[in-house]
């Protein structure tokens, strides 16, 4: 699934399949109210073996930005509690299959449009994810995301690199360690 970590999966759902994912994120902000993000819904619909359509929706309440929607965590300039929701829509395309050192990879092209809250600007998001299945079913994935966004009339770009190592514990569970960051740059 794409929702078990910040780094999305390298796979697509496959032709004729539908995958419904949901999650909840709690983000403890040091200088503002904590952020709750839910239901973080993404429905992935397989159009072919390598192409899927993605449709999702999310609601956030809290004092800081959130990693779940690509907003810079803790970068909120206005004190107090922020409430907003957004819809996402786009495509994920499988690019390569793993072959020794060549990683499995995919590209995600999507938009995020506010459905409530102060913003009325749709964000363009472009992501590239790649990874390797390692011995003993360990999985190492990395991603880079670009987000073109706007807030209070200020247009800026965000870059979000990430890497995750997933280690299976039994047949249906895994633990993972992950690094990610969201870096903003004025355009």
C-alpha atoms as a PDB file:
ATOM      1  CA  UNK A   1       0.000   0.000   0.000  1.00  0.00           C
ATOM      2  CA  UNK A   2       0.989   3.653  -0.313  1.00  0.00           C
ATOM      3  CA  UNK A   3      -0.344   4.647   3.127  1.00  0.00           C
ATOM      4  CA  UNK A   4       1.916   2.688   5.500  1.00  0.00           C
ATOM      5  CA  UNK A   5       4.727   5.246   5.228  1.00  0.00           C
ATOM      6  CA  UNK A   6       5.528   8.697   3.831  1.00  0.00           C
ATOM      7  CA  UNK A   7       7.384   6.991   0.953  1.00  0.00           C
ATOM      8  CA  UNK A   8       4.811   5.513  -1.481  1.00  0.00           C
ATOM      9  CA  UNK A   9       5.012   1.962  -2.820  1.00  0.00           C
ATOM     10  CA  UNK A  10       6.867   1.239  -6.068  1.00  0.00           C
ATOM     11  CA  UNK A  11       3.984  -0.922  -7.295  1.00  0.00           C
ATOM     12  CA  UNK A  12       0.685  -0.218  -9.050  1.00  0.00           C
ATOM     13  CA  UNK A  13      -2.504  -2.141  -8.188  1.00  0.00           C
ATOM     14  CA  UNK A  14      -2.808  -4.018 -11.485  1.00  0.00           C
ATOM     15  CA  UNK A  15      -5.428  -4.138 -14.231  1.00  0.00           C
ATOM     16  CA  UNK A  16      -9.054  -4.242 -13.081  1.00  0.00           C
ATOM     17  CA  UNK A  17      -8.204  -4.073  -9.361  1.00  0.00           C
ATOM     18  CA  UNK A  18      -9.320  -1.484  -6.825  1.00  0.00           C
ATOM     19  CA  UNK A  19      -7.435  -0.814  -3.602  1.00  0.00           C
ATOM     20  CA  UNK A  20      -8.945   1.393  -0.893  1.00  0.00           C
ATOM     21  CA  UNK A  21      -6.451   2.727   1.651  1.00  0.00           C
ATOM     22  CA  UNK A  22      -6.965   4.859   4.725  1.00  0.00           C
ATOM     23  CA  UNK A  23      -4.798   6.065   7.613  1.00  0.00           C
ATOM     24  CA  UNK A  24      -4.626   8.444  10.561  1.00  0.00           C
ATOM     25  CA  UNK A  25      -1.625  10.656  11.356  1.00  0.00           C
ATOM     26  CA  UNK A  26      -0.916  12.449  14.610  1.00  0.00           C
ATOM     27  CA  UNK A  27       1.805  15.081  14.434  1.00  0.00           C
ATOM     28  CA  UNK A  28       3.154  16.603  17.602  1.00  0.00           C
ATOM     29  CA  UNK A  29       4.070  20.210  16.852  1.00  0.00           C
ATOM     30  CA  UNK A  30       6.480  21.916  19.264  1.00  0.00           C
ATOM     31  CA  UNK A  31       5.272  25.497  18.870  1.00  0.00           C
ATOM     32  CA  UNK A  32       1.607  25.052  17.867  1.00  0.00           C
ATOM     33  CA  UNK A  33      -1.392  22.817  18.486  1.00  0.00           C
ATOM     34  CA  UNK A  34      -0.915  19.159  17.523  1.00  0.00           C
ATOM     35  CA  UNK A  35      -2.182  18.126  14.083  1.00  0.00           C
ATOM     36  CA  UNK A  36      -4.645  15.304  13.379  1.00  0.00           C
ATOM     37  CA  UNK A  37      -5.001  14.074   9.796  1.00  0.00           C
ATOM     38  CA  UNK A  38      -7.758  11.636   8.800  1.00  0.00           C
ATOM     39  CA  UNK A  39      -9.146   9.642   6.995  1.00  0.00           C
ATOM     40  CA  UNK A  40      -6.224  10.025   4.499  1.00  0.00           C
ATOM     41  CA  UNK A  41      -8.253   8.037   1.959  1.00  0.00           C
ATOM     42  CA  UNK A  42      -6.714   6.975  -1.351  1.00  0.00           C
ATOM     43  CA  UNK A  43      -8.612   4.773  -3.801  1.00  0.00           C
ATOM     44  CA  UNK A  44      -6.296   3.254  -6.415  1.00  0.00           C
ATOM     45  CA  UNK A  45      -7.980   1.885  -9.559  1.00  0.00           C
ATOM     46  CA  UNK A  46      -5.935  -0.239 -11.969  1.00  0.00           C
ATOM     47  CA  UNK A  47      -6.443   0.869 -15.568  1.00  0.00           C
ATOM     48  CA  UNK A  48      -3.717  -1.511 -16.816  1.00  0.00           C
ATOM     49  CA  UNK A  49      -0.885  -3.487 -15.232  1.00  0.00           C
ATOM     50  CA  UNK A  50       1.294  -0.368 -15.104  1.00  0.00           C
ATOM     51  CA  UNK A  51      -1.196   2.527 -14.834  1.00  0.00           C
ATOM     52  CA  UNK A  52      -3.575   3.357 -11.995  1.00  0.00           C
ATOM     53  CA  UNK A  53      -6.000   6.208 -11.391  1.00  0.00           C
ATOM     54  CA  UNK A  54      -5.858   7.691  -7.884  1.00  0.00           C
ATOM     55  CA  UNK A  55      -8.670   9.479  -6.063  1.00  0.00           C
ATOM     56  CA  UNK A  56      -8.541  10.545  -2.422  1.00  0.00           C
ATOM     57  CA  UNK A  57      -9.728  12.888   0.288  1.00  0.00           C
ATOM     58  CA  UNK A  58      -8.431  14.077   3.653  1.00  0.00           C
ATOM     59  CA  UNK A  59      -9.317  16.371   6.582  1.00  0.00           C
ATOM     60  CA  UNK A  60      -6.782  18.011   8.890  1.00  0.00           C
ATOM     61  CA  UNK A  61      -7.154  19.948  12.106  1.00  0.00           C
ATOM     62  CA  UNK A  62      -4.318  21.367  14.149  1.00  0.00           C
ATOM     63  CA  UNK A  63      -1.780  24.084  14.578  1.00  0.00           C
ATOM     64  CA  UNK A  64       0.904  23.163  12.111  1.00  0.00           C
ATOM     65  CA  UNK A  65       1.337  21.919   8.610  1.00  0.00           C
ATOM     66  CA  UNK A  66       1.155  18.244   7.880  1.00  0.00           C
ATOM     67  CA  UNK A  67       3.302  15.706   6.114  1.00  0.00           C
ATOM     68  CA  UNK A  68       0.218  13.887   4.900  1.00  0.00           C
ATOM     69  CA  UNK A  69      -0.746  16.612   2.432  1.00  0.00           C
ATOM     70  CA  UNK A  70       2.692  17.952   1.533  1.00  0.00           C
ATOM     71  CA  UNK A  71       2.387  21.088   3.712  1.00  0.00           C
ATOM     72  CA  UNK A  72       5.565  22.078   5.570  1.00  0.00           C
ATOM     73  CA  UNK A  73       5.217  20.748   9.101  1.00  0.00           C
ATOM     74  CA  UNK A  74       5.216  23.572  11.620  1.00  0.00           C
ATOM     75  CA  UNK A  75       5.484  26.345   8.996  1.00  0.00           C
ATOM     76  CA  UNK A  76       2.080  27.877   9.759  1.00  0.00           C
ATOM     77  CA  UNK A  77       2.477  31.643  10.186  1.00  0.00           C
ATOM     78  CA  UNK A  78      -0.955  32.280  11.733  1.00  0.00           C
ATOM     79  CA  UNK A  79      -1.262  31.090  15.352  1.00  0.00           C
ATOM     80  CA  UNK A  80      -4.258  28.995  16.368  1.00  0.00           C
ATOM     81  CA  UNK A  81      -5.997  25.971  14.970  1.00  0.00           C
ATOM     82  CA  UNK A  82      -6.190  25.348  11.234  1.00  0.00           C
ATOM     83  CA  UNK A  83      -8.956  23.233   9.686  1.00  0.00           C
ATOM     84  CA  UNK A  84      -8.835  22.184   6.058  1.00  0.00           C
ATOM     85  CA  UNK A  85      -9.686  19.355   3.715  1.00  0.00           C
ATOM     86  CA  UNK A  86      -8.587  18.453   0.227  1.00  0.00           C
ATOM     87  CA  UNK A  87      -9.267  16.072  -2.620  1.00  0.00           C
ATOM     88  CA  UNK A  88      -6.479  14.457  -4.612  1.00  0.00           C
ATOM     89  CA  UNK A  89      -6.660  12.978  -8.093  1.00  0.00           C
ATOM     90  CA  UNK A  90      -4.105  11.756 -10.569  1.00  0.00           C
ATOM     91  CA  UNK A  91      -2.201   8.774 -11.924  1.00  0.00           C
ATOM     92  CA  UNK A  92       0.587   6.437 -10.927  1.00  0.00           C
ATOM     93  CA  UNK A  93       2.619   4.811 -13.710  1.00  0.00           C
ATOM     94  CA  UNK A  94       4.960   1.862 -13.204  1.00  0.00           C
ATOM     95  CA  UNK A  95       8.254   2.566 -14.982  1.00  0.00           C
ATOM     96  CA  UNK A  96      10.728  -0.294 -14.327  1.00  0.00           C
ATOM     97  CA  UNK A  97      10.712  -3.741 -12.735  1.00  0.00           C
ATOM     98  CA  UNK A  98      13.550  -4.790 -10.433  1.00  0.00           C
ATOM     99  CA  UNK A  99      16.378  -6.536 -12.275  1.00  0.00           C
ATOM    100  CA  UNK A 100      19.441  -7.096 -10.041  1.00  0.00           C
ATOM    101  CA  UNK A 101      20.615  -3.500  -9.364  1.00  0.00           C
ATOM    102  CA  UNK A 102      17.955  -1.807 -11.520  1.00  0.00           C
ATOM    103  CA  UNK A 103      15.217  -0.793  -9.046  1.00  0.00           C
ATOM    104  CA  UNK A 104      11.477  -1.156  -9.415  1.00  0.00           C
ATOM    105  CA  UNK A 105      10.164   2.367  -9.977  1.00  0.00           C
ATOM    106  CA  UNK A 106       7.034   4.426 -10.537  1.00  0.00           C
ATOM    107  CA  UNK A 107       5.990   8.018 -11.190  1.00  0.00           C
ATOM    108  CA  UNK A 108       3.031   9.726  -9.484  1.00  0.00           C
ATOM    109  CA  UNK A 109       1.401  12.734 -11.139  1.00  0.00           C
ATOM    110  CA  UNK A 110      -1.480  14.255  -9.206  1.00  0.00           C
ATOM    111  CA  UNK A 111      -3.286  17.390  -8.070  1.00  0.00           C
ATOM    112  CA  UNK A 112      -4.591  18.300  -4.617  1.00  0.00           C
ATOM    113  CA  UNK A 113      -7.578  20.664  -4.544  1.00  0.00           C
ATOM    114  CA  UNK A 114      -8.928  22.187  -1.303  1.00  0.00           C
ATOM    115  CA  UNK A 115     -12.525  21.300  -0.394  1.00  0.00           C
ATOM    116  CA  UNK A 116     -12.547  23.435   2.784  1.00  0.00           C
ATOM    117  CA  UNK A 117     -10.231  25.816   4.602  1.00  0.00           C
ATOM    118  CA  UNK A 118      -8.517  29.081   3.721  1.00  0.00           C
ATOM    119  CA  UNK A 119      -6.686  27.961   0.575  1.00  0.00           C
ATOM    120  CA  UNK A 120      -8.312  27.909  -2.869  1.00  0.00           C
ATOM    121  CA  UNK A 121      -5.283  26.909  -4.950  1.00  0.00           C
ATOM    122  CA  UNK A 122      -4.760  23.422  -6.384  1.00  0.00           C
ATOM    123  CA  UNK A 123      -1.277  22.003  -5.805  1.00  0.00           C
ATOM    124  CA  UNK A 124       0.533  20.153  -8.597  1.00  0.00           C
ATOM    125  CA  UNK A 125       2.498  17.166  -7.293  1.00  0.00           C
ATOM    126  CA  UNK A 126       5.079  15.062  -9.120  1.00  0.00           C
ATOM    127  CA  UNK A 127       6.788  12.113  -7.470  1.00  0.00           C
ATOM    128  CA  UNK A 128       9.318   9.451  -8.387  1.00  0.00           C
ATOM    129  CA  UNK A 129       9.703   6.361  -6.201  1.00  0.00           C
ATOM    130  CA  UNK A 130      12.193   3.518  -6.607  1.00  0.00           C
ATOM    131  CA  UNK A 131      13.253   0.557  -4.514  1.00  0.00           C
ATOM    132  CA  UNK A 132      14.598  -2.943  -4.154  1.00  0.00           C
ATOM    133  CA  UNK A 133      13.286  -6.127  -2.593  1.00  0.00           C
ATOM    134  CA  UNK A 134      16.209  -7.428  -0.520  1.00  0.00           C
ATOM    135  CA  UNK A 135      16.972 -10.876   0.942  1.00  0.00           C
ATOM    136  CA  UNK A 136      14.564 -12.134   3.647  1.00  0.00           C
ATOM    137  CA  UNK A 137      11.785  -9.947   2.118  1.00  0.00           C
ATOM    138  CA  UNK A 138      13.265  -6.694   3.386  1.00  0.00           C
ATOM    139  CA  UNK A 139      12.247  -3.707   1.233  1.00  0.00           C
ATOM    140  CA  UNK A 140      14.298  -0.537   0.665  1.00  0.00           C
ATOM    141  CA  UNK A 141      12.422   2.306  -1.071  1.00  0.00           C
ATOM    142  CA  UNK A 142      13.246   5.959  -1.732  1.00  0.00           C
ATOM    143  CA  UNK A 143      11.267   8.809  -3.252  1.00  0.00           C
ATOM    144  CA  UNK A 144      11.564  12.403  -4.359  1.00  0.00           C
ATOM    145  CA  UNK A 145       8.501  14.643  -4.625  1.00  0.00           C
ATOM    146  CA  UNK A 146       8.049  18.087  -6.114  1.00  0.00           C
ATOM    147  CA  UNK A 147       5.039  20.192  -5.111  1.00  0.00           C
ATOM    148  CA  UNK A 148       4.103  23.536  -6.643  1.00  0.00           C
ATOM    149  CA  UNK A 149       1.919  25.319  -4.106  1.00  0.00           C
ATOM    150  CA  UNK A 150       0.645  28.690  -2.968  1.00  0.00           C
ATOM    151  CA  UNK A 151      -0.368  30.090   0.401  1.00  0.00           C
ATOM    152  CA  UNK A 152      -1.684  33.578   1.161  1.00  0.00           C
ATOM    153  CA  UNK A 153      -0.663  34.803  -2.319  1.00  0.00           C
ATOM    154  CA  UNK A 154       2.896  33.495  -2.006  1.00  0.00           C
ATOM    155  CA  UNK A 155       3.859  30.891  -4.636  1.00  0.00           C
ATOM    156  CA  UNK A 156       6.625  28.462  -3.666  1.00  0.00           C
ATOM    157  CA  UNK A 157       8.028  25.041  -4.451  1.00  0.00           C
ATOM    158  CA  UNK A 158       8.452  22.160  -2.045  1.00  0.00           C
ATOM    159  CA  UNK A 159      10.829  19.218  -2.314  1.00  0.00           C
ATOM    160  CA  UNK A 160      10.197  16.121  -0.226  1.00  0.00           C
ATOM    161  CA  UNK A 161      12.881  13.396  -0.286  1.00  0.00           C
ATOM    162  CA  UNK A 162      12.348  10.190   1.694  1.00  0.00           C
ATOM    163  CA  UNK A 163      13.785   6.727   2.257  1.00  0.00           C
ATOM    164  CA  UNK A 164      12.294   3.780   4.160  1.00  0.00           C
ATOM    165  CA  UNK A 165      13.545   0.311   5.142  1.00  0.00           C
ATOM    166  CA  UNK A 166      10.761  -2.213   5.843  1.00  0.00           C
ATOM    167  CA  UNK A 167      11.528  -5.426   7.738  1.00  0.00           C
ATOM    168  CA  UNK A 168       8.890  -8.181   7.989  1.00  0.00           C
ATOM    169  CA  UNK A 169       7.823  -9.447  11.402  1.00  0.00           C
ATOM    170  CA  UNK A 170       5.781 -12.569  10.742  1.00  0.00           C
ATOM    171  CA  UNK A 171       3.646 -12.979   7.605  1.00  0.00           C
ATOM    172  CA  UNK A 172       1.361  -9.916   7.842  1.00  0.00           C
ATOM    173  CA  UNK A 173       3.330  -7.291   9.783  1.00  0.00           C
ATOM    174  CA  UNK A 174       6.429  -5.225   9.232  1.00  0.00           C
ATOM    175  CA  UNK A 175       8.372  -2.588  11.091  1.00  0.00           C
ATOM    176  CA  UNK A 176      10.081   0.232   9.325  1.00  0.00           C
ATOM    177  CA  UNK A 177      12.497   3.065   9.855  1.00  0.00           C
ATOM    178  CA  UNK A 178      12.028   6.117   7.663  1.00  0.00           C
ATOM    179  CA  UNK A 179      13.634   9.486   6.973  1.00  0.00           C
ATOM    180  CA  UNK A 180      11.761  12.259   5.213  1.00  0.00           C
ATOM    181  CA  UNK A 181      11.912  16.009   4.954  1.00  0.00           C
ATOM    182  CA  UNK A 182       9.891  18.785   3.357  1.00  0.00           C
ATOM    183  CA  UNK A 183      11.922  21.726   2.109  1.00  0.00           C
ATOM    184  CA  UNK A 184      10.350  24.902   0.716  1.00  0.00           C
ATOM    185  CA  UNK A 185      11.876  27.359  -1.737  1.00  0.00           C
ATOM    186  CA  UNK A 186      10.316  30.602  -2.989  1.00  0.00           C
ATOM    187  CA  UNK A 187       9.855  30.703  -6.733  1.00  0.00           C
END
